[in-house]
Amino acid sequence: MCFPLFITLSLLSKAAVVYCVDCTYSRKPADASKFFTIILKFWRRLVCTYVWMCTVIIACVTTFFVFLVVACSLLSVVGFAPDLIVYAVIMMGLVFSVAFAYAIVVCNIGIVICVLEEVSGPQAMLRAGVLIKGQTQVGLLIFLGSTIGLAFVEGLFEHRVKVLSYGDGSSRIWEGPLLVIMYSFVVLMDSMMSTVFYFSCRSYTMEASDGECQSILDTP
């Protein structure tokens, strides 16, 4: 029961952030009633895109582990030294990290696209991949910054709240909620940066002026 509720609230929050950023770019006031009216129209698109996002991530991870097992087995059969196999695994891990980060960036932009444009699912993912061409490095830097921020807050929560590493633990009363707020802030900033990155890419490719991208604010 908690997982569907979490997914629903997560998608609603992402859509709300996209809506607010879109209102900021359009210089129009954000209207909560209008947002909830609009979200009923693209909720299916949002859920469909999220399902495809999960599918892409699972496919990437599965492909990596299958390729890793096959490659290690082949190297072992050929007769490579264990040290060389370890180096090969490290190199494959680095390549996978970049590919996985790119997939996450595409998925995040795909979520933004399904809210602001009349596409969803695989079409949103494909459009995101085309849209970020030329600015892939910026997207990877955004992903890196968000990942470092989330990992830092999670590490603090693990050390200061879950594991009693000092004192009598009374500080958990205020440190726990504070770290939760910090984590939520990092997630919020990540959603905002993804939306701003979408507008930056759209401006970069000169698609904002040809009428192909329909904003939710233009929906009657």
N, C-alpha and C. Protein backbone atom coordinates (compact mmCIF):
# COMPACT_ATOMS: atom_id res chain seq x y z
N MET A 1 0.83 -1.21 0.00
CA MET A 1 0.00 0.00 0.00
C MET A 1 0.86 1.26 0.00
N CYS A 2 1.97 1.23 0.74
CA CYS A 2 2.83 2.40 0.83
C CYS A 2 3.53 2.69 -0.50
N PHE A 3 3.92 1.62 -1.23
CA PHE A 3 4.66 1.83 -2.47
C PHE A 3 3.82 2.54 -3.53
N PRO A 4 2.58 2.10 -3.81
CA PRO A 4 1.77 2.87 -4.78
C PRO A 4 1.53 4.31 -4.35
N LEU A 5 1.34 4.51 -3.04
CA LEU A 5 1.14 5.88 -2.55
C LEU A 5 2.39 6.71 -2.77
N PHE A 6 3.56 6.10 -2.52
CA PHE A 6 4.83 6.82 -2.73
C PHE A 6 5.01 7.19 -4.20
N ILE A 7 4.72 6.23 -5.09
CA ILE A 7 4.86 6.49 -6.53
C ILE A 7 3.91 7.61 -6.96
N THR A 8 2.67 7.55 -6.47
CA THR A 8 1.69 8.57 -6.84
C THR A 8 2.13 9.95 -6.38
N LEU A 9 2.54 10.06 -5.13
CA LEU A 9 2.99 11.36 -4.62
C LEU A 9 4.26 11.83 -5.31
N SER A 10 5.15 10.89 -5.64
CA SER A 10 6.38 11.25 -6.33
C SER A 10 6.08 11.83 -7.71
N LEU A 11 5.19 11.17 -8.45
CA LEU A 11 4.84 11.66 -9.79
C LEU A 11 4.10 12.99 -9.70
N LEU A 12 3.22 13.12 -8.71
CA LEU A 12 2.51 14.39 -8.54
C LEU A 12 3.48 15.53 -8.23
N SER A 13 4.46 15.25 -7.38
CA SER A 13 5.43 16.29 -7.02
C SER A 13 6.28 16.68 -8.22
N LYS A 14 6.70 15.69 -9.02
CA LYS A 14 7.49 16.00 -10.22
C LYS A 14 6.67 16.83 -11.20
N ALA A 15 5.40 16.44 -11.39
CA ALA A 15 4.55 17.20 -12.30
C ALA A 15 4.32 18.61 -11.78
N ALA A 16 4.18 18.77 -10.47
CA ALA A 16 3.98 20.10 -9.89
C ALA A 16 5.21 20.97 -10.09
N VAL A 17 6.40 20.38 -9.94
CA VAL A 17 7.63 21.15 -10.16
C VAL A 17 7.73 21.59 -11.62
N VAL A 18 7.44 20.66 -12.54
CA VAL A 18 7.48 21.00 -13.96
C VAL A 18 6.48 22.12 -14.27
N TYR A 19 5.30 22.02 -13.70
CA TYR A 19 4.27 23.04 -13.92
C TYR A 19 4.73 24.41 -13.41
N CYS A 20 5.31 24.44 -12.21
CA CYS A 20 5.75 25.72 -11.63
C CYS A 20 6.89 26.33 -12.44
N VAL A 21 7.84 25.50 -12.88
CA VAL A 21 8.94 26.02 -13.69
C VAL A 21 8.41 26.52 -15.03
N ASP A 22 7.45 25.81 -15.60
CA ASP A 22 6.85 26.24 -16.86
C ASP A 22 6.14 27.57 -16.69
N CYS A 23 5.45 27.74 -15.57
CA CYS A 23 4.79 29.02 -15.29
C CYS A 23 5.82 30.14 -15.15
N THR A 24 6.95 29.82 -14.54
CA THR A 24 8.00 30.83 -14.38
C THR A 24 8.55 31.26 -15.74
N TYR A 25 8.80 30.29 -16.63
CA TYR A 25 9.30 30.62 -17.95
C TYR A 25 8.26 31.39 -18.76
N SER A 26 6.99 31.05 -18.56
CA SER A 26 5.92 31.73 -19.30
C SER A 26 5.50 33.04 -18.65
N ARG A 27 6.05 33.31 -17.46
CA ARG A 27 5.70 34.51 -16.71
C ARG A 27 4.20 34.59 -16.44
N LYS A 28 3.66 33.45 -16.02
CA LYS A 28 2.25 33.38 -15.66
C LYS A 28 2.14 32.83 -14.25
N PRO A 29 1.15 33.26 -13.50
CA PRO A 29 1.00 32.78 -12.11
C PRO A 29 0.60 31.31 -12.08
N ALA A 30 1.15 30.59 -11.12
CA ALA A 30 0.79 29.18 -10.95
C ALA A 30 -0.54 29.08 -10.22
N ASP A 31 -1.42 28.26 -10.75
CA ASP A 31 -2.76 28.10 -10.19
C ASP A 31 -2.94 26.63 -9.80
N ALA A 32 -3.13 26.38 -8.50
CA ALA A 32 -3.25 24.99 -8.02
C ALA A 32 -4.47 24.30 -8.61
N SER A 33 -5.59 25.01 -8.69
CA SER A 33 -6.80 24.40 -9.24
C SER A 33 -6.62 24.05 -10.71
N LYS A 34 -5.94 24.92 -11.45
CA LYS A 34 -5.68 24.64 -12.86
C LYS A 34 -4.74 23.45 -13.00
N PHE A 35 -3.77 23.35 -12.10
CA PHE A 35 -2.83 22.23 -12.16
C PHE A 35 -3.54 20.90 -11.98
N PHE A 36 -4.42 20.81 -10.97
CA PHE A 36 -5.12 19.55 -10.72
C PHE A 36 -6.11 19.23 -11.83
N THR A 37 -6.62 20.26 -12.50
CA THR A 37 -7.49 20.02 -13.65
C THR A 37 -6.68 19.48 -14.82
N ILE A 38 -5.50 20.04 -15.03
CA ILE A 38 -4.66 19.62 -16.14
C ILE A 38 -4.08 18.24 -15.92
N ILE A 39 -3.72 17.93 -14.67
CA ILE A 39 -3.04 16.67 -14.41
C ILE A 39 -3.94 15.47 -14.68
N LEU A 40 -5.25 15.68 -14.60
CA LEU A 40 -6.18 14.60 -14.94
C LEU A 40 -6.07 14.22 -16.41
N LYS A 41 -5.64 15.17 -17.25
CA LYS A 41 -5.55 14.93 -18.68
C LYS A 41 -4.27 14.18 -19.06
N PHE A 42 -3.16 14.46 -18.34
CA PHE A 42 -1.92 13.80 -18.73
C PHE A 42 -1.43 12.79 -17.69
N TRP A 43 -2.30 12.39 -16.74
CA TRP A 43 -1.88 11.45 -15.72
C TRP A 43 -1.50 10.10 -16.33
N ARG A 44 -2.28 9.64 -17.31
CA ARG A 44 -1.95 8.36 -17.95
C ARG A 44 -0.61 8.44 -18.68
N ARG A 45 -0.36 9.57 -19.34
CA ARG A 45 0.92 9.75 -20.01
C ARG A 45 2.06 9.70 -19.00
N LEU A 46 1.85 10.31 -17.86
CA LEU A 46 2.89 10.36 -16.83
C LEU A 46 3.18 8.96 -16.28
N VAL A 47 2.13 8.20 -15.99
CA VAL A 47 2.31 6.85 -15.47
C VAL A 47 2.97 5.95 -16.53
N CYS A 48 2.52 6.07 -17.78
CA CYS A 48 3.10 5.27 -18.86
C CYS A 48 4.59 5.56 -19.01
N THR A 49 4.95 6.83 -18.97
CA THR A 49 6.36 7.21 -19.10
C THR A 49 7.16 6.71 -17.91
N TYR A 50 6.57 6.75 -16.72
CA TYR A 50 7.28 6.26 -15.53
C TYR A 50 7.53 4.75 -15.63
N VAL A 51 6.55 4.02 -16.14
CA VAL A 51 6.72 2.57 -16.31
C VAL A 51 7.86 2.29 -17.30
N TRP A 52 7.90 3.04 -18.39
CA TRP A 52 8.98 2.88 -19.35
C TRP A 52 10.32 3.29 -18.75
N MET A 53 10.31 4.30 -17.90
CA MET A 53 11.53 4.72 -17.21
C MET A 53 12.07 3.57 -16.35
N CYS A 54 11.20 2.93 -15.58
CA CYS A 54 11.62 1.80 -14.76
C CYS A 54 12.12 0.65 -15.63
N THR A 55 11.45 0.43 -16.76
CA THR A 55 11.86 -0.64 -17.67
C THR A 55 13.25 -0.39 -18.23
N VAL A 56 13.52 0.85 -18.62
CA VAL A 56 14.84 1.20 -19.16
C VAL A 56 15.93 0.99 -18.11
N ILE A 57 15.66 1.43 -16.89
CA ILE A 57 16.66 1.30 -15.82
C ILE A 57 16.93 -0.17 -15.51
N ILE A 58 15.86 -0.97 -15.40
CA ILE A 58 16.03 -2.40 -15.12
C ILE A 58 16.77 -3.08 -16.27
N ALA A 59 16.45 -2.70 -17.50
CA ALA A 59 17.12 -3.29 -18.66
C ALA A 59 18.61 -2.95 -18.66
N CYS A 60 18.95 -1.72 -18.30
CA CYS A 60 20.36 -1.32 -18.25
C CYS A 60 21.13 -2.13 -17.22
N VAL A 61 20.56 -2.25 -16.02
CA VAL A 61 21.24 -2.98 -14.95
C VAL A 61 21.36 -4.46 -15.31
N THR A 62 20.28 -5.05 -15.83
CA THR A 62 20.31 -6.46 -16.21
C THR A 62 21.33 -6.72 -17.30
N THR A 63 21.35 -5.86 -18.31
CA THR A 63 22.30 -6.01 -19.41
C THR A 63 23.74 -5.93 -18.90
N PHE A 64 23.98 -5.01 -17.98
CA PHE A 64 25.34 -4.87 -17.45
C PHE A 64 25.79 -6.13 -16.73
N PHE A 65 24.94 -6.67 -15.85
CA PHE A 65 25.34 -7.85 -15.08
C PHE A 65 25.50 -9.07 -15.98
N VAL A 66 24.62 -9.21 -16.98
CA VAL A 66 24.76 -10.33 -17.91
C VAL A 66 26.06 -10.20 -18.70
N PHE A 67 26.32 -9.00 -19.21
CA PHE A 67 27.55 -8.77 -19.96
C PHE A 67 28.78 -8.97 -19.07
N LEU A 68 28.68 -8.55 -17.81
CA LEU A 68 29.81 -8.70 -16.89
C LEU A 68 30.12 -10.17 -16.64
N VAL A 69 29.08 -10.97 -16.40
CA VAL A 69 29.29 -12.40 -16.15
C VAL A 69 29.87 -13.09 -17.38
N VAL A 70 29.31 -12.77 -18.56
CA VAL A 70 29.79 -13.39 -19.79
C VAL A 70 31.23 -12.99 -20.07
N ALA A 71 31.55 -11.70 -19.91
CA ALA A 71 32.90 -11.22 -20.20
C ALA A 71 33.91 -11.85 -19.24
N CYS A 72 33.58 -11.90 -17.95
CA CYS A 72 34.50 -12.50 -16.98
C CYS A 72 34.70 -13.99 -17.26
N SER A 73 33.64 -14.67 -17.65
CA SER A 73 33.76 -16.10 -17.96
C SER A 73 34.65 -16.31 -19.18
N LEU A 74 34.47 -15.49 -20.21
CA LEU A 74 35.29 -15.62 -21.41
C LEU A 74 36.76 -15.32 -21.11
N LEU A 75 37.01 -14.26 -20.35
CA LEU A 75 38.39 -13.92 -20.01
C LEU A 75 39.04 -15.02 -19.18
N SER A 76 38.25 -15.63 -18.29
CA SER A 76 38.79 -16.71 -17.47
C SER A 76 39.09 -17.95 -18.30
N VAL A 77 38.20 -18.25 -19.26
CA VAL A 77 38.42 -19.42 -20.12
C VAL A 77 39.63 -19.22 -21.02
N VAL A 78 39.78 -17.99 -21.54
CA VAL A 78 40.92 -17.71 -22.41
C VAL A 78 42.23 -17.83 -21.67
N GLY A 79 42.22 -17.55 -20.36
CA GLY A 79 43.43 -17.72 -19.57
C GLY A 79 44.04 -16.43 -19.07
N PHE A 80 43.26 -15.35 -19.03
CA PHE A 80 43.78 -14.10 -18.51
C PHE A 80 44.02 -14.20 -17.00
N ALA A 81 45.00 -13.46 -16.53
CA ALA A 81 45.31 -13.45 -15.10
C ALA A 81 44.18 -12.79 -14.32
N PRO A 82 43.98 -13.21 -13.06
CA PRO A 82 42.91 -12.60 -12.25
C PRO A 82 43.03 -11.08 -12.13
N ASP A 83 44.28 -10.58 -12.06
CA ASP A 83 44.46 -9.13 -11.95
C ASP A 83 43.93 -8.41 -13.19
N LEU A 84 44.18 -8.98 -14.36
CA LEU A 84 43.69 -8.38 -15.60
C LEU A 84 42.17 -8.42 -15.66
N ILE A 85 41.60 -9.50 -15.15
CA ILE A 85 40.13 -9.60 -15.12
C ILE A 85 39.55 -8.53 -14.22
N VAL A 86 40.21 -8.28 -13.09
CA VAL A 86 39.74 -7.23 -12.17
C VAL A 86 39.80 -5.87 -12.86
N TYR A 87 40.89 -5.59 -13.57
CA TYR A 87 41.01 -4.32 -14.29
C TYR A 87 39.92 -4.20 -15.35
N ALA A 88 39.64 -5.31 -16.03
CA ALA A 88 38.59 -5.29 -17.05
C ALA A 88 37.23 -5.01 -16.42
N VAL A 89 36.99 -5.60 -15.25
CA VAL A 89 35.72 -5.36 -14.55
C VAL A 89 35.60 -3.89 -14.15
N ILE A 90 36.70 -3.31 -13.69
CA ILE A 90 36.69 -1.90 -13.30
C ILE A 90 36.38 -1.01 -14.50
N MET A 91 37.00 -1.31 -15.64
CA MET A 91 36.75 -0.52 -16.85
C MET A 91 35.30 -0.66 -17.30
N MET A 92 34.78 -1.89 -17.26
CA MET A 92 33.38 -2.08 -17.63
C MET A 92 32.45 -1.35 -16.67
N GLY A 93 32.83 -1.33 -15.39
CA GLY A 93 32.02 -0.60 -14.41
C GLY A 93 31.99 0.89 -14.69
N LEU A 94 33.14 1.44 -15.09
CA LEU A 94 33.19 2.87 -15.42
C LEU A 94 32.34 3.19 -16.65
N VAL A 95 32.45 2.33 -17.67
CA VAL A 95 31.64 2.54 -18.87
C VAL A 95 30.16 2.43 -18.55
N PHE A 96 29.81 1.45 -17.73
CA PHE A 96 28.40 1.29 -17.34
C PHE A 96 27.91 2.49 -16.55
N SER A 97 28.76 3.04 -15.69
CA SER A 97 28.35 4.20 -14.89
C SER A 97 27.96 5.37 -15.77
N VAL A 98 28.76 5.61 -16.82
CA VAL A 98 28.45 6.70 -17.74
C VAL A 98 27.16 6.41 -18.50
N ALA A 99 27.03 5.16 -18.99
CA ALA A 99 25.82 4.79 -19.73
C ALA A 99 24.58 4.85 -18.84
N PHE A 100 24.72 4.41 -17.59
CA PHE A 100 23.60 4.44 -16.67
C PHE A 100 23.20 5.87 -16.33
N ALA A 101 24.20 6.74 -16.14
CA ALA A 101 23.91 8.15 -15.87
C ALA A 101 23.18 8.78 -17.05
N TYR A 102 23.62 8.45 -18.26
CA TYR A 102 22.95 8.98 -19.46
C TYR A 102 21.50 8.50 -19.52
N ALA A 103 21.28 7.22 -19.18
CA ALA A 103 19.91 6.68 -19.19
C ALA A 103 19.03 7.40 -18.17
N ILE A 104 19.58 7.70 -17.00
CA ILE A 104 18.82 8.41 -15.98
C ILE A 104 18.47 9.82 -16.45
N VAL A 105 19.43 10.49 -17.09
CA VAL A 105 19.17 11.84 -17.60
C VAL A 105 18.06 11.80 -18.65
N VAL A 106 18.13 10.83 -19.56
CA VAL A 106 17.10 10.70 -20.59
C VAL A 106 15.74 10.43 -19.95
N CYS A 107 15.71 9.57 -18.94
CA CYS A 107 14.44 9.26 -18.27
C CYS A 107 13.87 10.48 -17.56
N ASN A 108 14.72 11.25 -16.89
CA ASN A 108 14.24 12.45 -16.21
C ASN A 108 13.68 13.48 -17.20
N ILE A 109 14.38 13.67 -18.31
CA ILE A 109 13.88 14.59 -19.33
C ILE A 109 12.61 14.03 -19.96
N GLY A 110 12.53 12.70 -20.08
CA GLY A 110 11.33 12.09 -20.62
C GLY A 110 10.11 12.37 -19.76
N ILE A 111 10.29 12.36 -18.43
CA ILE A 111 9.18 12.70 -17.53
C ILE A 111 8.73 14.14 -17.76
N VAL A 112 9.69 15.04 -17.92
CA VAL A 112 9.35 16.44 -18.18
C VAL A 112 8.61 16.58 -19.51
N ILE A 113 9.09 15.87 -20.52
CA ILE A 113 8.49 15.97 -21.85
C ILE A 113 7.05 15.46 -21.85
N CYS A 114 6.79 14.37 -21.12
CA CYS A 114 5.43 13.83 -21.13
C CYS A 114 4.45 14.78 -20.45
N VAL A 115 4.95 15.68 -19.61
CA VAL A 115 4.08 16.67 -18.98
C VAL A 115 3.84 17.86 -19.90
N LEU A 116 4.89 18.30 -20.58
CA LEU A 116 4.81 19.53 -21.37
C LEU A 116 4.47 19.31 -22.84
N GLU A 117 4.56 18.07 -23.31
CA GLU A 117 4.30 17.80 -24.71
C GLU A 117 3.32 16.63 -24.85
N GLU A 118 2.79 16.47 -26.03
CA GLU A 118 1.78 15.45 -26.29
C GLU A 118 2.42 14.12 -26.67
N VAL A 119 3.42 13.69 -25.93
CA VAL A 119 4.05 12.39 -26.16
C VAL A 119 4.23 11.71 -24.82
N SER A 120 4.40 10.40 -24.86
CA SER A 120 4.58 9.64 -23.63
C SER A 120 5.28 8.33 -23.94
N GLY A 121 5.66 7.62 -22.90
CA GLY A 121 6.26 6.31 -23.06
C GLY A 121 7.55 6.33 -23.85
N PRO A 122 7.73 5.39 -24.78
CA PRO A 122 8.98 5.33 -25.56
C PRO A 122 9.19 6.55 -26.43
N GLN A 123 8.09 7.17 -26.91
CA GLN A 123 8.25 8.38 -27.72
C GLN A 123 8.88 9.51 -26.90
N ALA A 124 8.48 9.62 -25.63
CA ALA A 124 9.07 10.65 -24.76
C ALA A 124 10.55 10.37 -24.53
N MET A 125 10.91 9.09 -24.36
CA MET A 125 12.31 8.74 -24.15
C MET A 125 13.14 9.04 -25.39
N LEU A 126 12.61 8.68 -26.57
CA LEU A 126 13.34 8.94 -27.80
C LEU A 126 13.50 10.44 -28.03
N ARG A 127 12.45 11.19 -27.76
CA ARG A 127 12.54 12.64 -27.94
C ARG A 127 13.55 13.24 -26.96
N ALA A 128 13.59 12.71 -25.74
CA ALA A 128 14.56 13.20 -24.76
C ALA A 128 15.98 12.94 -25.23
N GLY A 129 16.21 11.74 -25.80
CA GLY A 129 17.54 11.43 -26.31
C GLY A 129 17.97 12.35 -27.43
N VAL A 130 17.02 12.70 -28.30
CA VAL A 130 17.32 13.63 -29.40
C VAL A 130 17.52 15.04 -28.87
N LEU A 131 16.71 15.42 -27.89
CA LEU A 131 16.72 16.79 -27.40
C LEU A 131 18.03 17.15 -26.69
N ILE A 132 18.62 16.20 -25.97
CA ILE A 132 19.81 16.53 -25.18
C ILE A 132 21.11 16.38 -25.97
N LYS A 133 21.00 16.06 -27.26
CA LYS A 133 22.22 15.98 -28.07
C LYS A 133 22.91 17.34 -28.09
N GLY A 134 24.19 17.33 -27.87
CA GLY A 134 24.96 18.57 -27.82
C GLY A 134 25.11 19.12 -26.42
N GLN A 135 24.27 18.67 -25.49
CA GLN A 135 24.37 19.13 -24.11
C GLN A 135 24.37 17.95 -23.14
N THR A 136 24.84 16.82 -23.62
CA THR A 136 24.87 15.63 -22.78
C THR A 136 25.74 15.83 -21.55
N GLN A 137 26.87 16.54 -21.73
CA GLN A 137 27.78 16.75 -20.60
C GLN A 137 27.09 17.52 -19.48
N VAL A 138 26.26 18.49 -19.84
CA VAL A 138 25.54 19.26 -18.82
C VAL A 138 24.59 18.35 -18.05
N GLY A 139 23.88 17.50 -18.78
CA GLY A 139 22.98 16.56 -18.11
C GLY A 139 23.71 15.62 -17.18
N LEU A 140 24.88 15.14 -17.60
CA LEU A 140 25.66 14.25 -16.75
C LEU A 140 26.16 14.97 -15.50
N LEU A 141 26.53 16.24 -15.65
CA LEU A 141 26.96 17.02 -14.49
C LEU A 141 25.81 17.23 -13.51
N ILE A 142 24.61 17.47 -14.03
CA ILE A 142 23.44 17.61 -13.16
C ILE A 142 23.19 16.31 -12.40
N PHE A 143 23.28 15.19 -13.11
CA PHE A 143 23.09 13.89 -12.46
C PHE A 143 24.15 13.65 -11.40
N LEU A 144 25.41 14.00 -11.72
CA LEU A 144 26.49 13.81 -10.76
C LEU A 144 26.27 14.64 -9.51
N GLY A 145 25.89 15.91 -9.68
CA GLY A 145 25.65 16.76 -8.53
C GLY A 145 24.51 16.25 -7.66
N SER A 146 23.42 15.82 -8.29
CA SER A 146 22.28 15.30 -7.53
C SER A 146 22.65 14.02 -6.81
N THR A 147 23.40 13.15 -7.48
CA THR A 147 23.80 11.88 -6.86
C THR A 147 24.69 12.11 -5.66
N ILE A 148 25.65 13.03 -5.79
CA ILE A 148 26.54 13.33 -4.67
C ILE A 148 25.74 13.91 -3.50
N GLY A 149 24.81 14.82 -3.80
CA GLY A 149 24.00 15.41 -2.74
C GLY A 149 23.15 14.38 -2.02
N LEU A 150 22.49 13.50 -2.78
CA LEU A 150 21.65 12.47 -2.16
C LEU A 150 22.49 11.49 -1.36
N ALA A 151 23.65 11.10 -1.90
CA ALA A 151 24.52 10.17 -1.19
C ALA A 151 25.04 10.79 0.11
N PHE A 152 25.35 12.08 0.07
CA PHE A 152 25.84 12.76 1.26
C PHE A 152 24.78 12.78 2.36
N VAL A 153 23.55 13.13 1.99
CA VAL A 153 22.47 13.18 2.98
C VAL A 153 22.16 11.78 3.51
N GLU A 154 22.14 10.79 2.62
CA GLU A 154 21.89 9.41 3.06
C GLU A 154 22.98 8.93 4.00
N GLY A 155 24.23 9.30 3.71
CA GLY A 155 25.33 8.92 4.59
C GLY A 155 25.19 9.55 5.97
N LEU A 156 24.81 10.82 5.99
CA LEU A 156 24.59 11.49 7.28
C LEU A 156 23.46 10.82 8.06
N PHE A 157 22.38 10.47 7.36
CA PHE A 157 21.25 9.82 8.02
C PHE A 157 21.66 8.46 8.59
N GLU A 158 22.46 7.72 7.82
CA GLU A 158 22.91 6.41 8.28
C GLU A 158 23.82 6.54 9.50
N HIS A 159 24.68 7.55 9.49
CA HIS A 159 25.67 7.70 10.56
C HIS A 159 25.09 8.38 11.80
N ARG A 160 24.21 9.36 11.61
CA ARG A 160 23.75 10.17 12.73
C ARG A 160 22.42 9.70 13.31
N VAL A 161 21.62 8.99 12.51
CA VAL A 161 20.27 8.62 12.97
C VAL A 161 20.12 7.11 13.14
N LYS A 162 20.41 6.35 12.08
CA LYS A 162 20.19 4.91 12.15
C LYS A 162 21.19 4.21 13.05
N VAL A 163 22.44 4.68 13.02
CA VAL A 163 23.49 4.07 13.83
C VAL A 163 23.86 5.04 14.95
N LEU A 164 23.75 4.59 16.18
CA LEU A 164 24.08 5.43 17.33
C LEU A 164 25.60 5.41 17.51
N SER A 165 26.26 6.43 16.95
CA SER A 165 27.72 6.46 16.97
C SER A 165 28.28 7.37 18.05
N TYR A 166 27.43 8.09 18.76
CA TYR A 166 27.92 9.00 19.80
C TYR A 166 26.77 9.38 20.71
N GLY A 167 27.08 9.78 21.93
CA GLY A 167 26.09 10.31 22.86
C GLY A 167 25.00 9.31 23.20
N ASP A 168 23.89 9.84 23.71
CA ASP A 168 22.77 9.00 24.12
C ASP A 168 21.68 8.91 23.06
N GLY A 169 21.91 9.54 21.91
CA GLY A 169 20.94 9.46 20.81
C GLY A 169 19.83 10.47 20.88
N SER A 170 19.88 11.39 21.83
CA SER A 170 18.80 12.38 21.95
C SER A 170 18.77 13.34 20.76
N SER A 171 19.91 13.50 20.08
CA SER A 171 19.96 14.42 18.94
C SER A 171 19.18 13.88 17.75
N ARG A 172 18.82 12.59 17.77
CA ARG A 172 18.04 12.03 16.67
C ARG A 172 16.70 12.74 16.52
N ILE A 173 16.20 13.29 17.61
CA ILE A 173 14.87 13.92 17.59
C ILE A 173 14.83 15.06 16.59
N TRP A 174 15.92 15.84 16.51
CA TRP A 174 15.93 16.96 15.57
C TRP A 174 16.78 16.69 14.33
N GLU A 175 17.78 15.80 14.44
CA GLU A 175 18.61 15.52 13.27
C GLU A 175 17.85 14.72 12.22
N GLY A 176 17.00 13.78 12.66
CA GLY A 176 16.24 12.98 11.71
C GLY A 176 15.35 13.82 10.81
N PRO A 177 14.43 14.63 11.39
CA PRO A 177 13.59 15.49 10.53
C PRO A 177 14.40 16.47 9.68
N LEU A 178 15.51 16.99 10.23
CA LEU A 178 16.33 17.92 9.47
C LEU A 178 16.92 17.25 8.23
N LEU A 179 17.41 16.02 8.38
CA LEU A 179 18.00 15.31 7.25
C LEU A 179 16.93 14.92 6.23
N VAL A 180 15.73 14.62 6.71
CA VAL A 180 14.63 14.33 5.78
C VAL A 180 14.30 15.57 4.95
N ILE A 181 14.29 16.73 5.59
CA ILE A 181 14.04 17.98 4.87
C ILE A 181 15.16 18.25 3.87
N MET A 182 16.41 17.99 4.27
CA MET A 182 17.54 18.18 3.37
C MET A 182 17.43 17.26 2.16
N TYR A 183 17.05 16.01 2.41
CA TYR A 183 16.90 15.05 1.31
C TYR A 183 15.80 15.50 0.35
N SER A 184 14.68 15.95 0.91
CA SER A 184 13.58 16.43 0.07
C SER A 184 14.00 17.64 -0.74
N PHE A 185 14.82 18.50 -0.15
CA PHE A 185 15.30 19.68 -0.86
C PHE A 185 16.18 19.29 -2.04
N VAL A 186 17.05 18.29 -1.84
CA VAL A 186 17.92 17.84 -2.94
C VAL A 186 17.08 17.24 -4.06
N VAL A 187 16.07 16.44 -3.70
CA VAL A 187 15.18 15.87 -4.72
C VAL A 187 14.44 16.97 -5.47
N LEU A 188 13.98 17.98 -4.74
CA LEU A 188 13.30 19.11 -5.37
C LEU A 188 14.22 19.84 -6.34
N MET A 189 15.45 20.09 -5.93
CA MET A 189 16.40 20.76 -6.80
C MET A 189 16.71 19.93 -8.04
N ASP A 190 16.77 18.61 -7.87
CA ASP A 190 17.02 17.74 -9.02
C ASP A 190 15.88 17.84 -10.03
N SER A 191 14.64 17.84 -9.54
CA SER A 191 13.49 17.98 -10.45
C SER A 191 13.49 19.34 -11.14
N MET A 192 13.82 20.38 -10.39
CA MET A 192 13.87 21.72 -10.98
C MET A 192 14.97 21.81 -12.04
N MET A 193 16.14 21.26 -11.74
CA MET A 193 17.25 21.33 -12.71
C MET A 193 16.93 20.53 -13.96
N SER A 194 16.23 19.40 -13.81
CA SER A 194 15.85 18.62 -14.99
C SER A 194 14.91 19.41 -15.88
N THR A 195 13.97 20.13 -15.27
CA THR A 195 13.02 20.93 -16.05
C THR A 195 13.72 22.10 -16.72
N VAL A 196 14.58 22.79 -15.98
CA VAL A 196 15.34 23.90 -16.57
C VAL A 196 16.24 23.39 -17.68
N PHE A 197 16.82 22.22 -17.49
CA PHE A 197 17.67 21.63 -18.53
C PHE A 197 16.86 21.33 -19.79
N TYR A 198 15.62 20.91 -19.61
CA TYR A 198 14.75 20.67 -20.76
C TYR A 198 14.54 21.96 -21.56
N PHE A 199 14.22 23.04 -20.86
CA PHE A 199 14.00 24.31 -21.55
C PHE A 199 15.29 24.80 -22.21
N SER A 200 16.42 24.55 -21.56
CA SER A 200 17.70 24.94 -22.15
C SER A 200 17.97 24.16 -23.43
N CYS A 201 17.71 22.86 -23.40
CA CYS A 201 17.91 22.04 -24.60
C CYS A 201 16.94 22.43 -25.70
N ARG A 202 15.71 22.74 -25.33
CA ARG A 202 14.72 23.12 -26.34
C ARG A 202 15.11 24.44 -27.00
N SER A 203 15.62 25.36 -26.21
CA SER A 203 16.09 26.63 -26.79
C SER A 203 17.32 26.40 -27.66
N TYR A 204 18.18 25.49 -27.22
CA TYR A 204 19.41 25.21 -27.96
C TYR A 204 19.11 24.63 -29.33
N THR A 205 18.09 23.80 -29.44
CA THR A 205 17.74 23.18 -30.71
C THR A 205 16.75 24.01 -31.52
N MET A 206 16.39 25.19 -31.01
CA MET A 206 15.52 26.12 -31.73
C MET A 206 14.15 25.51 -32.03
N GLU A 207 13.63 24.70 -31.09
CA GLU A 207 12.33 24.09 -31.30
C GLU A 207 11.21 24.87 -30.60
N ALA A 208 11.58 25.86 -29.81
CA ALA A 208 10.55 26.59 -29.08
C ALA A 208 9.71 27.46 -30.01
N SER A 209 10.26 27.81 -31.19
CA SER A 209 9.56 28.74 -32.07
C SER A 209 8.78 28.08 -33.19
N ASP A 210 8.89 26.74 -33.34
CA ASP A 210 8.21 26.12 -34.47
C ASP A 210 6.91 25.46 -34.10
N GLY A 211 6.50 25.61 -32.82
CA GLY A 211 5.18 25.14 -32.41
C GLY A 211 5.07 23.66 -32.16
N GLU A 212 6.18 22.93 -32.12
CA GLU A 212 6.10 21.50 -31.90
C GLU A 212 5.91 21.16 -30.43
N CYS A 213 6.36 22.02 -29.54
CA CYS A 213 6.30 21.74 -28.12
C CYS A 213 5.10 22.46 -27.51
N GLN A 214 4.16 21.71 -27.00
CA GLN A 214 2.96 22.29 -26.42
C GLN A 214 3.06 22.28 -24.91
N SER A 215 2.98 23.45 -24.32
CA SER A 215 3.05 23.57 -22.88
C SER A 215 1.71 23.25 -22.25
N ILE A 216 1.75 22.78 -21.03
CA ILE A 216 0.51 22.49 -20.34
C ILE A 216 -0.28 23.76 -20.08
N LEU A 217 0.40 24.91 -20.07
CA LEU A 217 -0.31 26.17 -19.86
C LEU A 217 -1.16 26.54 -21.07
N ASP A 218 -0.83 25.97 -22.23
CA ASP A 218 -1.60 26.26 -23.44
C ASP A 218 -2.77 25.32 -23.63
N THR A 219 -2.90 24.35 -22.70
CA THR A 219 -3.99 23.40 -22.81
C THR A 219 -5.29 24.05 -22.40
N PRO A 220 -6.31 24.00 -23.22
CA PRO A 220 -7.57 24.65 -22.88
C PRO A 220 -8.27 23.93 -21.73
